Protein backbone atom coordinates (compact mmCIF):
# COMPACT_ATOMS: atom_id res chain seq x y z
CA UNK A 1 -0.02 0.03 -0.13
CA UNK A 2 1.20 3.29 -0.94
CA UNK A 3 1.81 5.78 1.93
CA UNK A 4 0.62 9.32 2.74
CA UNK A 5 2.11 11.73 0.74
CA UNK A 6 2.90 9.47 -2.34
CA UNK A 7 -0.56 8.55 -2.44
CA UNK A 8 -1.70 12.34 -3.41
CA UNK A 9 1.52 12.55 -5.58
CA UNK A 10 0.58 9.55 -7.40
CA UNK A 11 -3.10 10.44 -7.82
CA UNK A 12 -1.84 14.18 -8.91
CA UNK A 13 0.13 12.57 -11.65
CA UNK A 14 -2.68 10.29 -12.65
CA UNK A 15 -4.99 13.18 -13.06
CA UNK A 16 -2.51 15.08 -15.13
CA UNK A 17 -1.87 12.04 -17.47
CA UNK A 18 -6.14 12.01 -17.69
CA UNK A 19 -6.15 16.02 -18.41
CA UNK A 20 -3.40 15.57 -20.91
CA UNK A 21 -5.30 12.71 -22.68
CA UNK A 22 -8.70 14.82 -22.61
CA UNK A 23 -6.80 17.84 -23.88
CA UNK A 24 -5.47 15.89 -26.95
CA UNK A 25 -8.80 14.43 -27.67
CA UNK A 26 -10.75 17.63 -27.07
CA UNK A 27 -8.33 19.40 -29.37
CA UNK A 28 -8.84 17.21 -32.16
CA UNK A 29 -12.77 17.66 -31.70
CA UNK A 30 -13.64 20.86 -30.41
CA UNK A 31 -13.78 24.35 -32.88
CA UNK A 32 -12.71 26.89 -30.34
CA UNK A 33 -9.34 25.48 -28.93
CA UNK A 34 -8.79 28.40 -26.89
CA UNK A 35 -11.93 28.13 -24.79
CA UNK A 36 -11.65 24.51 -24.14
CA UNK A 37 -7.70 24.92 -23.20
CA UNK A 38 -9.07 27.53 -20.57
CA UNK A 39 -11.66 25.08 -19.21
CA UNK A 40 -9.18 22.30 -18.95
CA UNK A 41 -6.60 24.49 -17.32
CA UNK A 42 -9.16 25.57 -14.95
CA UNK A 43 -10.78 22.51 -13.95
CA UNK A 44 -7.54 20.60 -13.90
CA UNK A 45 -6.04 23.40 -11.34
CA UNK A 46 -8.84 22.98 -9.22
CA UNK A 47 -8.98 19.23 -9.58
CA UNK A 48 -5.19 19.18 -8.26
CA UNK A 49 -5.92 21.99 -5.35
CA UNK A 50 -8.96 19.45 -4.52
CA UNK A 51 -6.17 16.58 -3.78
CA UNK A 52 -4.19 18.83 -1.55
CA UNK A 53 -7.25 20.01 0.30
CA UNK A 54 -8.14 16.13 1.01
CA UNK A 55 -4.40 15.36 2.01
CA UNK A 56 -4.47 18.36 4.50
CA UNK A 57 -7.80 17.56 5.76
CA UNK A 58 -6.87 13.93 6.67
CA UNK A 59 -3.59 14.70 8.01
CA UNK A 60 -5.46 17.06 10.20
CA UNK A 61 -8.27 14.90 11.09
CA UNK A 62 -5.97 11.92 12.73
CA UNK A 63 -4.64 14.56 15.02
CA UNK A 64 -8.47 15.22 16.45
CA UNK A 65 -10.85 13.28 18.83
CA UNK A 66 -13.17 11.08 16.76
CA UNK A 67 -16.33 13.47 17.22
CA UNK A 68 -13.99 16.74 16.35
CA UNK A 69 -12.32 14.84 13.31
CA UNK A 70 -15.86 13.68 12.01
CA UNK A 71 -17.10 17.32 12.14
CA UNK A 72 -13.95 18.49 10.52
CA UNK A 73 -13.84 16.30 7.63
CA UNK A 74 -17.76 16.72 7.04
CA UNK A 75 -16.97 20.67 7.06
CA UNK A 76 -14.22 20.35 4.58
CA UNK A 77 -16.28 17.83 2.58
CA UNK A 78 -18.76 20.40 2.24
CA UNK A 79 -16.53 23.30 1.48
CA UNK A 80 -15.03 21.09 -1.43
CA UNK A 81 -18.51 20.73 -2.87
CA UNK A 82 -19.18 24.62 -2.52
CA UNK A 83 -16.11 25.29 -4.35
CA UNK A 84 -16.67 22.85 -7.13
CA UNK A 85 -19.96 24.66 -7.66
CA UNK A 86 -18.09 28.02 -7.81
CA UNK A 87 -15.74 26.58 -10.12
CA UNK A 88 -18.90 24.89 -12.30
CA UNK A 89 -20.97 28.34 -12.18
CA UNK A 90 -17.99 30.31 -13.20
CA UNK A 91 -17.09 28.03 -16.20
CA UNK A 92 -20.91 27.83 -17.56
CA UNK A 93 -21.34 31.79 -16.77
CA UNK A 94 -18.15 32.92 -18.53
CA UNK A 95 -18.54 32.68 -22.34
CA UNK A 96 -14.91 32.20 -23.03
CA UNK A 97 -14.54 29.05 -21.14
CA UNK A 98 -15.61 25.90 -22.24
CA UNK A 99 -17.92 24.10 -19.53
CA UNK A 100 -17.73 20.77 -21.05
CA UNK A 101 -13.98 20.78 -20.57
CA UNK A 102 -14.46 21.84 -17.24
CA UNK A 103 -17.01 19.01 -16.34
CA UNK A 104 -14.23 16.66 -17.92
CA UNK A 105 -11.47 17.71 -15.86
CA UNK A 106 -13.36 17.79 -12.61
CA UNK A 107 -14.52 14.27 -13.32
CA UNK A 108 -10.83 13.10 -13.67
CA UNK A 109 -10.51 13.04 -9.96
CA UNK A 110 -12.73 10.22 -9.79
CA UNK A 111 -11.27 8.36 -12.69
CA UNK A 112 -7.51 8.58 -11.40
CA UNK A 113 -9.42 7.23 -7.67
CA UNK A 114 -10.44 4.20 -9.82
CA UNK A 115 -7.16 3.91 -11.61
CA UNK A 116 -5.44 4.21 -8.04
CA UNK A 117 -7.30 1.38 -6.34
CA UNK A 118 -6.84 -1.04 -9.39
CA UNK A 119 -3.03 -0.47 -9.75
CA UNK A 120 -2.36 -0.80 -6.06
CA UNK A 121 -1.32 -4.42 -4.84
CA UNK A 122 -4.15 -6.48 -3.78
CA UNK A 123 -4.16 -7.44 -0.27
CA UNK A 124 -3.93 -11.21 0.52
CA UNK A 125 -7.32 -13.19 1.33
CA UNK A 126 -6.16 -14.44 4.27
CA UNK A 127 -5.71 -11.06 5.78
CA UNK A 128 -1.78 -11.70 6.04
CA UNK A 129 -0.60 -8.08 6.07
CA UNK A 130 2.44 -6.89 7.85
CA UNK A 131 2.23 -3.96 9.76
CA UNK A 132 5.26 -1.88 10.84
CA UNK A 133 5.30 -0.43 14.43
CA UNK A 134 6.64 2.91 15.25
CA UNK A 135 9.73 2.90 17.35
CA UNK A 136 10.45 5.82 19.47
CA UNK A 137 14.19 6.78 19.75
CA UNK A 138 13.92 7.15 23.32
CA UNK A 139 12.61 3.65 24.25
CA UNK A 140 14.91 0.63 23.57
CA UNK A 141 13.67 -1.68 20.49
CA UNK A 142 13.02 -5.36 21.42
CA UNK A 143 15.18 -6.89 18.72
């Protein structure tokens, strides 16, 4: 299983690959390349920021009590939805930005998350997974 920060890096990398794929296909199919590119850039930057926001939320939530963590995660979840709505609204209202490109670029996070789940190594069915224990420098090791 991939650890903390490398999960967000791996997910961001997959999002960028998908954005470039969508950009390449869209350039061939659209008449207004500039508007399409603006939509991909706006949606892509926002998608990458959402990944970073999720990473920060998880890192801060694990330091809180269970109830406080639940409220904190729910509040950040709603914040991400509101921000997504704002980006979609700006894209739809602004005539120089292709709204289909924004929608496609926002959906890359979903596709990248599925891709991430498929590409990770599988857990054995018998549940035999090795866990690493934290060792403090102050405490003597058992080994």
